[in-house]
Amino acid sequence: MFSEKGVVVIERSESSISEDDLMLVALEAGADDVKVEEDSFEINTSTGDFEAVKSALIQQGIPIAHSELAMLPQTYVKLLGEEAEKMNKMIELLEDNDDIQAVYTNFEAEE
C-alpha cells in the first residue's frame, strides 16, 4: 500500500528559482517527480537517489525547507464527515504516543 520514497520540500517564498529550472536540476539529479503546490515544490525520489538530489539542490544554492525518507501511499481513500473526524482523532492519539515515531496514512479528507 505504501512505497518508501525520498521527499524534499522547497518553499517558494524562500527560493527565487523558477519552476522549470528546479525541475531541470531535480530531474537531472535523479528525481522521480516534482509536484508544484500552492506555496512549495515537492520533489519525490527513490531512496537510492535521495542524497544525490539533495546534494544537487544544495550545490545550486536552493534552500531546502524539509527533507525525509517517507512512506507514500500508492492509492488514496476519501473519507467524509464523521469518518474523517474519527480518523483525525486516531492519528492525533497515535502521534501523541512517545513510542510512535511516524504515522503514515492513505486517506484524504474534505476540508
PDB file of N, CA and C in Angstrom:
ATOM      1  N   MET A   1       0.812  -1.203   0.000  1.00  0.00           N
ATOM      2  CA  MET A   1       0.000   0.000   0.000  1.00  0.00           C
ATOM      3  C   MET A   1       0.856   1.269   0.000  1.00  0.00           C
ATOM      4  N   PHE A   2       2.101   1.156   0.468  1.00  0.00           N
ATOM      5  CA  PHE A   2       2.983   2.318   0.555  1.00  0.00           C
ATOM      6  C   PHE A   2       4.305   2.012  -0.127  1.00  0.00           C
ATOM      7  N   SER A   3       4.947   3.059  -0.616  1.00  0.00           N
ATOM      8  CA  SER A   3       6.282   2.954  -1.210  1.00  0.00           C
ATOM      9  C   SER A   3       7.216   3.873  -0.438  1.00  0.00           C
ATOM     10  N   GLU A   4       8.406   3.376  -0.118  1.00  0.00           N
ATOM     11  CA  GLU A   4       9.371   4.243   0.550  1.00  0.00           C
ATOM     12  C   GLU A   4      10.013   5.145  -0.495  1.00  0.00           C
ATOM     13  N   LYS A   5       9.931   6.435  -0.250  1.00  0.00           N
ATOM     14  CA  LYS A   5      10.456   7.433  -1.182  1.00  0.00           C
ATOM     15  C   LYS A   5      11.183   8.526  -0.416  1.00  0.00           C
ATOM     16  N   GLY A   6      12.034   9.225  -1.098  1.00  0.00           N
ATOM     17  CA  GLY A   6      12.639  10.430  -0.555  1.00  0.00           C
ATOM     18  C   GLY A   6      11.756  11.610  -0.916  1.00  0.00           C
ATOM     19  N   VAL A   7      11.568  12.523   0.026  1.00  0.00           N
ATOM     20  CA  VAL A   7      10.746  13.704  -0.198  1.00  0.00           C
ATOM     21  C   VAL A   7      11.563  14.934   0.186  1.00  0.00           C
ATOM     22  N   VAL A   8      11.654  15.890  -0.731  1.00  0.00           N
ATOM     23  CA  VAL A   8      12.358  17.147  -0.485  1.00  0.00           C
ATOM     24  C   VAL A   8      11.375  18.276  -0.771  1.00  0.00           C
ATOM     25  N   VAL A   9      11.239  19.188   0.196  1.00  0.00           N
ATOM     26  CA  VAL A   9      10.305  20.303   0.049  1.00  0.00           C
ATOM     27  C   VAL A   9      11.096  21.607  -0.053  1.00  0.00           C
ATOM     28  N   ILE A  10      10.750  22.392  -1.061  1.00  0.00           N
ATOM     29  CA  ILE A  10      11.350  23.713  -1.287  1.00  0.00           C
ATOM     30  C   ILE A  10      10.234  24.748  -1.149  1.00  0.00           C
ATOM     31  N   GLU A  11      10.389  25.689  -0.219  1.00  0.00           N
ATOM     32  CA  GLU A  11       9.396  26.756  -0.062  1.00  0.00           C
ATOM     33  C   GLU A  11       9.580  27.761  -1.203  1.00  0.00           C
ATOM     34  N   ARG A  12       8.487  28.095  -1.859  1.00  0.00           N
ATOM     35  CA  ARG A  12       8.567  29.035  -2.983  1.00  0.00           C
ATOM     36  C   ARG A  12       9.005  30.416  -2.528  1.00  0.00           C
ATOM     37  N   SER A  13       8.602  30.812  -1.324  1.00  0.00           N
ATOM     38  CA  SER A  13       8.954  32.143  -0.823  1.00  0.00           C
ATOM     39  C   SER A  13      10.435  32.238  -0.443  1.00  0.00           C
ATOM     40  N   GLU A  14      11.078  31.116  -0.185  1.00  0.00           N
ATOM     41  CA  GLU A  14      12.483  31.099   0.229  1.00  0.00           C
ATOM     42  C   GLU A  14      13.442  30.993  -0.955  1.00  0.00           C
ATOM     43  N   SER A  15      12.930  30.643  -2.119  1.00  0.00           N
ATOM     44  CA  SER A  15      13.785  30.409  -3.268  1.00  0.00           C
ATOM     45  C   SER A  15      13.336  31.256  -4.451  1.00  0.00           C
ATOM     46  N   SER A  16      14.300  31.752  -5.188  1.00  0.00           N
ATOM     47  CA  SER A  16      13.977  32.553  -6.364  1.00  0.00           C
ATOM     48  C   SER A  16      14.062  31.736  -7.649  1.00  0.00           C
ATOM     49  N   ILE A  17      14.287  30.442  -7.526  1.00  0.00           N
ATOM     50  CA  ILE A  17      14.427  29.590  -8.709  1.00  0.00           C
ATOM     51  C   ILE A  17      13.066  29.397  -9.379  1.00  0.00           C
ATOM     52  N   SER A  18      13.087  29.352 -10.686  1.00  0.00           N
ATOM     53  CA  SER A  18      11.845  29.147 -11.425  1.00  0.00           C
ATOM     54  C   SER A  18      11.463  27.666 -11.386  1.00  0.00           C
ATOM     55  N   GLU A  19      10.208  27.406 -11.654  1.00  0.00           N
ATOM     56  CA  GLU A  19       9.700  26.034 -11.665  1.00  0.00           C
ATOM     57  C   GLU A  19      10.462  25.183 -12.676  1.00  0.00           C
ATOM     58  N   ASP A  20      10.682  25.719 -13.873  1.00  0.00           N
ATOM     59  CA  ASP A  20      11.383  24.968 -14.926  1.00  0.00           C
ATOM     60  C   ASP A  20      12.824  24.657 -14.541  1.00  0.00           C
ATOM     61  N   ASP A  21      13.519  25.650 -13.953  1.00  0.00           N
ATOM     62  CA  ASP A  21      14.910  25.427 -13.556  1.00  0.00           C
ATOM     63  C   ASP A  21      15.010  24.400 -12.430  1.00  0.00           C
ATOM     64  N   LEU A  22      14.070  24.458 -11.473  1.00  0.00           N
ATOM     65  CA  LEU A  22      14.068  23.491 -10.384  1.00  0.00           C
ATOM     66  C   LEU A  22      13.823  22.089 -10.919  1.00  0.00           C
ATOM     67  N   MET A  23      12.873  21.956 -11.836  1.00  0.00           N
ATOM     68  CA  MET A  23      12.601  20.648 -12.432  1.00  0.00           C
ATOM     69  C   MET A  23      13.824  20.110 -13.150  1.00  0.00           C
ATOM     70  N   LEU A  24      14.503  20.961 -13.876  1.00  0.00           N
ATOM     71  CA  LEU A  24      15.701  20.551 -14.615  1.00  0.00           C
ATOM     72  C   LEU A  24      16.775  20.035 -13.662  1.00  0.00           C
ATOM     73  N   VAL A  25      17.061  20.789 -12.594  1.00  0.00           N
ATOM     74  CA  VAL A  25      18.081  20.384 -11.624  1.00  0.00           C
ATOM     75  C   VAL A  25      17.688  19.067 -10.958  1.00  0.00           C
ATOM     76  N   ALA A  26      16.433  18.987 -10.498  1.00  0.00           N
ATOM     77  CA  ALA A  26      15.976  17.805  -9.757  1.00  0.00           C
ATOM     78  C   ALA A  26      15.954  16.556 -10.639  1.00  0.00           C
ATOM     79  N   LEU A  27      15.400  16.671 -11.826  1.00  0.00           N
ATOM     80  CA  LEU A  27      15.285  15.514 -12.706  1.00  0.00           C
ATOM     81  C   LEU A  27      16.644  15.039 -13.197  1.00  0.00           C
ATOM     82  N   GLU A  28      17.554  15.970 -13.469  1.00  0.00           N
ATOM     83  CA  GLU A  28      18.904  15.582 -13.887  1.00  0.00           C
ATOM     84  C   GLU A  28      19.647  14.864 -12.771  1.00  0.00           C
ATOM     85  N   ALA A  29      19.312  15.189 -11.501  1.00  0.00           N
ATOM     86  CA  ALA A  29      19.973  14.547 -10.363  1.00  0.00           C
ATOM     87  C   ALA A  29      19.355  13.193 -10.023  1.00  0.00           C
ATOM     88  N   GLY A  30      18.222  12.860 -10.665  1.00  0.00           N
ATOM     89  CA  GLY A  30      17.621  11.555 -10.441  1.00  0.00           C
ATOM     90  C   GLY A  30      16.259  11.552  -9.783  1.00  0.00           C
ATOM     91  N   ALA A  31      15.633  12.719  -9.631  1.00  0.00           N
ATOM     92  CA  ALA A  31      14.307  12.783  -9.016  1.00  0.00           C
ATOM     93  C   ALA A  31      13.284  12.067  -9.885  1.00  0.00           C
ATOM     94  N   ASP A  32      12.273  11.483  -9.229  1.00  0.00           N
ATOM     95  CA  ASP A  32      11.194  10.811  -9.950  1.00  0.00           C
ATOM     96  C   ASP A  32      10.118  11.786 -10.404  1.00  0.00           C
ATOM     97  N   ASP A  33       9.843  12.789  -9.558  1.00  0.00           N
ATOM     98  CA  ASP A  33       8.713  13.675  -9.823  1.00  0.00           C
ATOM     99  C   ASP A  33       8.909  14.989  -9.075  1.00  0.00           C
ATOM    100  N   VAL A  34       8.395  16.075  -9.654  1.00  0.00           N
ATOM    101  CA  VAL A  34       8.374  17.374  -8.991  1.00  0.00           C
ATOM    102  C   VAL A  34       6.929  17.851  -9.020  1.00  0.00           C
ATOM    103  N   LYS A  35       6.347  18.028  -7.837  1.00  0.00           N
ATOM    104  CA  LYS A  35       4.969  18.496  -7.730  1.00  0.00           C
ATOM    105  C   LYS A  35       4.972  19.960  -7.329  1.00  0.00           C
ATOM    106  N   VAL A  36       4.154  20.744  -8.008  1.00  0.00           N
ATOM    107  CA  VAL A  36       4.041  22.158  -7.706  1.00  0.00           C
ATOM    108  C   VAL A  36       2.818  22.357  -6.816  1.00  0.00           C
ATOM    109  N   GLU A  37       3.063  22.802  -5.601  1.00  0.00           N
ATOM    110  CA  GLU A  37       1.999  23.084  -4.656  1.00  0.00           C
ATOM    111  C   GLU A  37       1.770  24.591  -4.624  1.00  0.00           C
ATOM    112  N   GLU A  38       0.792  25.007  -3.851  1.00  0.00           N
ATOM    113  CA  GLU A  38       0.440  26.423  -3.763  1.00  0.00           C
ATOM    114  C   GLU A  38       1.622  27.280  -3.294  1.00  0.00           C
ATOM    115  N   ASP A  39       2.303  26.828  -2.228  1.00  0.00           N
ATOM    116  CA  ASP A  39       3.387  27.623  -1.667  1.00  0.00           C
ATOM    117  C   ASP A  39       4.727  26.877  -1.600  1.00  0.00           C
ATOM    118  N   SER A  40       4.801  25.727  -2.263  1.00  0.00           N
ATOM    119  CA  SER A  40       6.046  24.960  -2.215  1.00  0.00           C
ATOM    120  C   SER A  40       6.174  24.040  -3.425  1.00  0.00           C
ATOM    121  N   PHE A  41       7.363  23.498  -3.562  1.00  0.00           N
ATOM    122  CA  PHE A  41       7.636  22.442  -4.540  1.00  0.00           C
ATOM    123  C   PHE A  41       7.937  21.180  -3.745  1.00  0.00           C
ATOM    124  N   GLU A  42       7.385  20.046  -4.156  1.00  0.00           N
ATOM    125  CA  GLU A  42       7.677  18.771  -3.504  1.00  0.00           C
ATOM    126  C   GLU A  42       8.353  17.868  -4.516  1.00  0.00           C
ATOM    127  N   ILE A  43       9.562  17.445  -4.186  1.00  0.00           N
ATOM    128  CA  ILE A  43      10.347  16.602  -5.066  1.00  0.00           C
ATOM    129  C   ILE A  43      10.355  15.199  -4.477  1.00  0.00           C
ATOM    130  N   ASN A  44       9.950  14.208  -5.278  1.00  0.00           N
ATOM    131  CA  ASN A  44       9.949  12.809  -4.856  1.00  0.00           C
ATOM    132  C   ASN A  44      11.077  12.075  -5.560  1.00  0.00           C
ATOM    133  N   THR A  45      11.785  11.249  -4.785  1.00  0.00           N
ATOM    134  CA  THR A  45      12.908  10.492  -5.326  1.00  0.00           C
ATOM    135  C   THR A  45      12.827   9.044  -4.852  1.00  0.00           C
ATOM    136  N   SER A  46      13.570   8.183  -5.504  1.00  0.00           N
ATOM    137  CA  SER A  46      13.756   6.841  -4.956  1.00  0.00           C
ATOM    138  C   SER A  46      14.698   6.985  -3.767  1.00  0.00           C
ATOM    139  N   THR A  47      14.724   5.982  -2.899  1.00  0.00           N
ATOM    140  CA  THR A  47      15.608   6.071  -1.735  1.00  0.00           C
ATOM    141  C   THR A  47      17.073   6.111  -2.158  1.00  0.00           C
ATOM    142  N   GLY A  48      17.404   5.461  -3.246  1.00  0.00           N
ATOM    143  CA  GLY A  48      18.781   5.450  -3.725  1.00  0.00           C
ATOM    144  C   GLY A  48      19.262   6.780  -4.272  1.00  0.00           C
ATOM    145  N   ASP A  49      18.351   7.585  -4.818  1.00  0.00           N
ATOM    146  CA  ASP A  49      18.721   8.883  -5.399  1.00  0.00           C
ATOM    147  C   ASP A  49      18.499  10.054  -4.455  1.00  0.00           C
ATOM    148  N   PHE A  50      17.992   9.786  -3.260  1.00  0.00           N
ATOM    149  CA  PHE A  50      17.628  10.842  -2.318  1.00  0.00           C
ATOM    150  C   PHE A  50      18.792  11.785  -2.013  1.00  0.00           C
ATOM    151  N   GLU A  51      19.923  11.244  -1.609  1.00  0.00           N
ATOM    152  CA  GLU A  51      21.080  12.080  -1.243  1.00  0.00           C
ATOM    153  C   GLU A  51      21.644  12.823  -2.453  1.00  0.00           C
ATOM    154  N   ALA A  52      21.650  12.190  -3.616  1.00  0.00           N
ATOM    155  CA  ALA A  52      22.163  12.849  -4.825  1.00  0.00           C
ATOM    156  C   ALA A  52      21.304  14.049  -5.198  1.00  0.00           C
ATOM    157  N   VAL A  53      19.997  13.911  -5.074  1.00  0.00           N
ATOM    158  CA  VAL A  53      19.091  15.028  -5.395  1.00  0.00           C
ATOM    159  C   VAL A  53      19.288  16.159  -4.392  1.00  0.00           C
ATOM    160  N   LYS A  54      19.356  15.819  -3.102  1.00  0.00           N
ATOM    161  CA  LYS A  54      19.589  16.849  -2.081  1.00  0.00           C
ATOM    162  C   LYS A  54      20.897  17.585  -2.333  1.00  0.00           C
ATOM    163  N   SER A  55      21.954  16.849  -2.647  1.00  0.00           N
ATOM    164  CA  SER A  55      23.260  17.461  -2.908  1.00  0.00           C
ATOM    165  C   SER A  55      23.219  18.388  -4.114  1.00  0.00           C
ATOM    166  N   ALA A  56      22.530  17.967  -5.170  1.00  0.00           N
ATOM    167  CA  ALA A  56      22.428  18.793  -6.373  1.00  0.00           C
ATOM    168  C   ALA A  56      21.694  20.099  -6.073  1.00  0.00           C
ATOM    169  N   LEU A  57      20.641  20.021  -5.273  1.00  0.00           N
ATOM    170  CA  LEU A  57      19.893  21.228  -4.908  1.00  0.00           C
ATOM    171  C   LEU A  57      20.750  22.168  -4.070  1.00  0.00           C
ATOM    172  N   ILE A  58      21.485  21.611  -3.113  1.00  0.00           N
ATOM    173  CA  ILE A  58      22.341  22.426  -2.261  1.00  0.00           C
ATOM    174  C   ILE A  58      23.453  23.076  -3.078  1.00  0.00           C
ATOM    175  N   GLN A  59      24.042  22.327  -4.031  1.00  0.00           N
ATOM    176  CA  GLN A  59      25.097  22.883  -4.877  1.00  0.00           C
ATOM    177  C   GLN A  59      24.596  24.047  -5.728  1.00  0.00           C
ATOM    178  N   GLN A  60      23.320  24.015  -6.086  1.00  0.00           N
ATOM    179  CA  GLN A  60      22.735  25.113  -6.873  1.00  0.00           C
ATOM    180  C   GLN A  60      22.276  26.265  -5.982  1.00  0.00           C
ATOM    181  N   GLY A  61      22.462  26.148  -4.675  1.00  0.00           N
ATOM    182  CA  GLY A  61      22.075  27.212  -3.745  1.00  0.00           C
ATOM    183  C   GLY A  61      20.582  27.271  -3.479  1.00  0.00           C
ATOM    184  N   ILE A  62      19.883  26.164  -3.676  1.00  0.00           N
ATOM    185  CA  ILE A  62      18.439  26.114  -3.470  1.00  0.00           C
ATOM    186  C   ILE A  62      18.188  25.697  -2.023  1.00  0.00           C
ATOM    187  N   PRO A  63      17.536  26.562  -1.234  1.00  0.00           N
ATOM    188  CA  PRO A  63      17.309  26.238   0.181  1.00  0.00           C
ATOM    189  C   PRO A  63      16.246  25.151   0.351  1.00  0.00           C
ATOM    190  N   ILE A  64      16.587  24.109   1.099  1.00  0.00           N
ATOM    191  CA  ILE A  64      15.673  23.004   1.362  1.00  0.00           C
ATOM    192  C   ILE A  64      14.952  23.272   2.670  1.00  0.00           C
ATOM    193  N   ALA A  65      13.618  23.309   2.619  1.00  0.00           N
ATOM    194  CA  ALA A  65      12.821  23.549   3.820  1.00  0.00           C
ATOM    195  C   ALA A  65      12.693  22.283   4.655  1.00  0.00           C
ATOM    196  N   HIS A  66      12.574  21.142   3.979  1.00  0.00           N
ATOM    197  CA  HIS A  66      12.358  19.882   4.685  1.00  0.00           C
ATOM    198  C   HIS A  66      12.742  18.739   3.758  1.00  0.00           C
ATOM    199  N   SER A  67      13.350  17.700   4.329  1.00  0.00           N
ATOM    200  CA  SER A  67      13.642  16.504   3.540  1.00  0.00           C
ATOM    201  C   SER A  67      13.585  15.290   4.452  1.00  0.00           C
ATOM    202  N   GLU A  68      13.086  14.183   3.905  1.00  0.00           N
ATOM    203  CA  GLU A  68      12.974  12.957   4.693  1.00  0.00           C
ATOM    204  C   GLU A  68      12.741  11.764   3.774  1.00  0.00           C
ATOM    205  N   LEU A  69      13.004  10.590   4.326  1.00  0.00           N
ATOM    206  CA  LEU A  69      12.569   9.349   3.692  1.00  0.00           C
ATOM    207  C   LEU A  69      11.205   9.054   4.290  1.00  0.00           C
ATOM    208  N   ALA A  70      10.204   8.865   3.456  1.00  0.00           N
ATOM    209  CA  ALA A  70       8.831   8.695   3.927  1.00  0.00           C
ATOM    210  C   ALA A  70       8.152   7.557   3.185  1.00  0.00           C
ATOM    211  N   MET A  71       7.067   7.119   3.753  1.00  0.00           N
ATOM    212  CA  MET A  71       6.226   6.098   3.123  1.00  0.00           C
ATOM    213  C   MET A  71       5.070   6.829   2.433  1.00  0.00           C
ATOM    214  N   LEU A  72       5.047   6.797   1.119  1.00  0.00           N
ATOM    215  CA  LEU A  72       3.997   7.477   0.349  1.00  0.00           C
ATOM    216  C   LEU A  72       2.964   6.463  -0.122  1.00  0.00           C
ATOM    217  N   PRO A  73       1.673   6.796   0.033  1.00  0.00           N
ATOM    218  CA  PRO A  73       0.625   5.849  -0.368  1.00  0.00           C
ATOM    219  C   PRO A  73       0.566   5.679  -1.883  1.00  0.00           C
ATOM    220  N   GLN A  74       0.265   4.456  -2.298  1.00  0.00           N
ATOM    221  CA  GLN A  74       0.093   4.183  -3.723  1.00  0.00           C
ATOM    222  C   GLN A  74      -1.322   4.526  -4.177  1.00  0.00           C
ATOM    223  N   THR A  75      -2.286   4.392  -3.274  1.00  0.00           N
ATOM    224  CA  THR A  75      -3.671   4.779  -3.561  1.00  0.00           C
ATOM    225  C   THR A  75      -4.214   5.529  -2.354  1.00  0.00           C
ATOM    226  N   TYR A  76      -5.231   6.333  -2.588  1.00  0.00           N
ATOM    227  CA  TYR A  76      -5.851   7.125  -1.524  1.00  0.00           C
ATOM    228  C   TYR A  76      -7.305   6.703  -1.330  1.00  0.00           C
ATOM    229  N   VAL A  77      -7.788   6.899  -0.090  1.00  0.00           N
ATOM    230  CA  VAL A  77      -9.181   6.642   0.252  1.00  0.00           C
ATOM    231  C   VAL A  77      -9.761   7.958   0.738  1.00  0.00           C
ATOM    232  N   LYS A  78     -10.880   8.365   0.199  1.00  0.00           N
ATOM    233  CA  LYS A  78     -11.511   9.622   0.594  1.00  0.00           C
ATOM    234  C   LYS A  78     -12.491   9.353   1.728  1.00  0.00           C
ATOM    235  N   LEU A  79     -12.337  10.096   2.828  1.00  0.00           N
ATOM    236  CA  LEU A  79     -13.235   9.993   3.974  1.00  0.00           C
ATOM    237  C   LEU A  79     -13.984  11.303   4.144  1.00  0.00           C
ATOM    238  N   LEU A  80     -15.244  11.202   4.521  1.00  0.00           N
ATOM    239  CA  LEU A  80     -16.091  12.378   4.686  1.00  0.00           C
ATOM    240  C   LEU A  80     -16.680  12.419   6.091  1.00  0.00           C
ATOM    241  N   GLY A  81     -16.998  13.618   6.542  1.00  0.00           N
ATOM    242  CA  GLY A  81     -17.759  13.831   7.759  1.00  0.00           C
ATOM    243  C   GLY A  81     -17.206  13.140   8.991  1.00  0.00           C
ATOM    244  N   GLU A  82     -18.062  12.342   9.631  1.00  0.00           N
ATOM    245  CA  GLU A  82     -17.724  11.702  10.897  1.00  0.00           C
ATOM    246  C   GLU A  82     -16.559  10.729  10.753  1.00  0.00           C
ATOM    247  N   GLU A  83     -16.503  10.029   9.636  1.00  0.00           N
ATOM    248  CA  GLU A  83     -15.388   9.094   9.417  1.00  0.00           C
ATOM    249  C   GLU A  83     -14.049   9.827   9.404  1.00  0.00           C
ATOM    250  N   ALA A  84     -14.006  10.980   8.749  1.00  0.00           N
ATOM    251  CA  ALA A  84     -12.773  11.772   8.687  1.00  0.00           C
ATOM    252  C   ALA A  84     -12.401  12.298  10.067  1.00  0.00           C
ATOM    253  N   GLU A  85     -13.384  12.737  10.841  1.00  0.00           N
ATOM    254  CA  GLU A  85     -13.123  13.230  12.188  1.00  0.00           C
ATOM    255  C   GLU A  85     -12.553  12.122  13.077  1.00  0.00           C
ATOM    256  N   LYS A  86     -13.137  10.926  12.995  1.00  0.00           N
ATOM    257  CA  LYS A  86     -12.643   9.800  13.785  1.00  0.00           C
ATOM    258  C   LYS A  86     -11.211   9.446  13.392  1.00  0.00           C
ATOM    259  N   MET A  87     -10.936   9.446  12.108  1.00  0.00           N
ATOM    260  CA  MET A  87      -9.586   9.122  11.649  1.00  0.00           C
ATOM    261  C   MET A  87      -8.584  10.167  12.138  1.00  0.00           C
ATOM    262  N   ASN A  88      -8.939  11.442  12.064  1.00  0.00           N
ATOM    263  CA  ASN A  88      -8.052  12.503  12.549  1.00  0.00           C
ATOM    264  C   ASN A  88      -7.778  12.354  14.040  1.00  0.00           C
ATOM    265  N   LYS A  89      -8.800  12.016  14.824  1.00  0.00           N
ATOM    266  CA  LYS A  89      -8.615  11.811  16.263  1.00  0.00           C
ATOM    267  C   LYS A  89      -7.679  10.643  16.523  1.00  0.00           C
ATOM    268  N   MET A  90      -7.854   9.549  15.774  1.00  0.00           N
ATOM    269  CA  MET A  90      -6.996   8.390  15.955  1.00  0.00           C
ATOM    270  C   MET A  90      -5.540   8.731  15.618  1.00  0.00           C
ATOM    271  N   ILE A  91      -5.328   9.468  14.560  1.00  0.00           N
ATOM    272  CA  ILE A  91      -3.974   9.846  14.164  1.00  0.00           C
ATOM    273  C   ILE A  91      -3.342  10.742  15.228  1.00  0.00           C
ATOM    274  N   GLU A  92      -4.117  11.686  15.763  1.00  0.00           N
ATOM    275  CA  GLU A  92      -3.607  12.546  16.826  1.00  0.00           C
ATOM    276  C   GLU A  92      -3.185  11.729  18.042  1.00  0.00           C
ATOM    277  N   LEU A  93      -3.999  10.744  18.420  1.00  0.00           N
ATOM    278  CA  LEU A  93      -3.661   9.884  19.558  1.00  0.00           C
ATOM    279  C   LEU A  93      -2.384   9.093  19.292  1.00  0.00           C
ATOM    280  N   LEU A  94      -2.242   8.583  18.094  1.00  0.00           N
ATOM    281  CA  LEU A  94      -1.027   7.851  17.739  1.00  0.00           C
ATOM    282  C   LEU A  94       0.201   8.755  17.779  1.00  0.00           C
ATOM    283  N   GLU A  95       0.084   9.953  17.231  1.00  0.00           N
ATOM    284  CA  GLU A  95       1.217  10.880  17.192  1.00  0.00           C
ATOM    285  C   GLU A  95       1.599  11.369  18.589  1.00  0.00           C
ATOM    286  N   ASP A  96       0.648  11.407  19.501  1.00  0.00           N
ATOM    287  CA  ASP A  96       0.934  11.832  20.874  1.00  0.00           C
ATOM    288  C   ASP A  96       1.657  10.753  21.680  1.00  0.00           C
ATOM    289  N   ASN A  97       1.657   9.516  21.208  1.00  0.00           N
ATOM    290  CA  ASN A  97       2.323   8.420  21.890  1.00  0.00           C
ATOM    291  C   ASN A  97       3.830   8.529  21.660  1.00  0.00           C
ATOM    292  N   ASP A  98       4.597   8.580  22.753  1.00  0.00           N
ATOM    293  CA  ASP A  98       6.051   8.753  22.650  1.00  0.00           C
ATOM    294  C   ASP A  98       6.753   7.579  21.977  1.00  0.00           C
ATOM    295  N   ASP A  99       6.145   6.414  21.977  1.00  0.00           N
ATOM    296  CA  ASP A  99       6.766   5.238  21.373  1.00  0.00           C
ATOM    297  C   ASP A  99       6.613   5.193  19.851  1.00  0.00           C
ATOM    298  N   ILE A 100       5.748   6.023  19.303  1.00  0.00           N
ATOM    299  CA  ILE A 100       5.494   6.031  17.858  1.00  0.00           C
ATOM    300  C   ILE A 100       6.310   7.146  17.221  1.00  0.00           C
ATOM    301  N   GLN A 101       7.113   6.782  16.228  1.00  0.00           N
ATOM    302  CA  GLN A 101       7.997   7.751  15.586  1.00  0.00           C
ATOM    303  C   GLN A 101       7.352   8.448  14.401  1.00  0.00           C
ATOM    304  N   ALA A 102       6.505   7.746  13.662  1.00  0.00           N
ATOM    305  CA  ALA A 102       5.876   8.349  12.478  1.00  0.00           C
ATOM    306  C   ALA A 102       4.563   7.624  12.193  1.00  0.00           C
ATOM    307  N   VAL A 103       3.610   8.370  11.641  1.00  0.00           N
ATOM    308  CA  VAL A 103       2.319   7.805  11.256  1.00  0.00           C
ATOM    309  C   VAL A 103       2.107   8.128   9.782  1.00  0.00           C
ATOM    310  N   TYR A 104       1.840   7.100   8.989  1.00  0.00           N
ATOM    311  CA  TYR A 104       1.579   7.277   7.565  1.00  0.00           C
ATOM    312  C   TYR A 104       0.157   6.821   7.271  1.00  0.00           C
ATOM    313  N   THR A 105      -0.552   7.582   6.466  1.00  0.00           N
ATOM    314  CA  THR A 105      -1.933   7.234   6.132  1.00  0.00           C
ATOM    315  C   THR A 105      -2.145   7.358   4.628  1.00  0.00           C
ATOM    316  N   ASN A 106      -3.243   6.784   4.172  1.00  0.00           N
ATOM    317  CA  ASN A 106      -3.588   6.907   2.762  1.00  0.00           C
ATOM    318  C   ASN A 106      -4.996   7.488   2.609  1.00  0.00           C
ATOM    319  N   PHE A 107      -5.433   8.292   3.590  1.00  0.00           N
ATOM    320  CA  PHE A 107      -6.753   8.869   3.464  1.00  0.00           C
ATOM    321  C   PHE A 107      -6.690  10.350   3.144  1.00  0.00           C
ATOM    322  N   GLU A 108      -7.709  10.798   2.447  1.00  0.00           N
ATOM    323  CA  GLU A 108      -7.889  12.219   2.148  1.00  0.00           C
ATOM    324  C   GLU A 108      -9.217  12.622   2.749  1.00  0.00           C
ATOM    325  N   ALA A 109      -9.247  13.774   3.382  1.00  0.00           N
ATOM    326  CA  ALA A 109     -10.485  14.289   3.962  1.00  0.00           C
ATOM    327  C   ALA A 109     -10.822  15.618   3.302  1.00  0.00           C
ATOM    328  N   GLU A 110     -12.095  15.824   3.055  1.00  0.00           N
ATOM    329  CA  GLU A 110     -12.517  17.106   2.529  1.00  0.00           C
ATOM    330  C   GLU A 110     -12.438  18.145   3.640  1.00  0.00           C
ATOM    331  N   GLU A 111     -12.048  19.352   3.273  1.00  0.00           N
ATOM    332  CA  GLU A 111     -11.927  20.420   4.277  1.00  0.00           C
ATOM    333  C   GLU A 111     -13.286  20.935   4.672  1.00  0.00           C
TER     334      GLU A 111
END
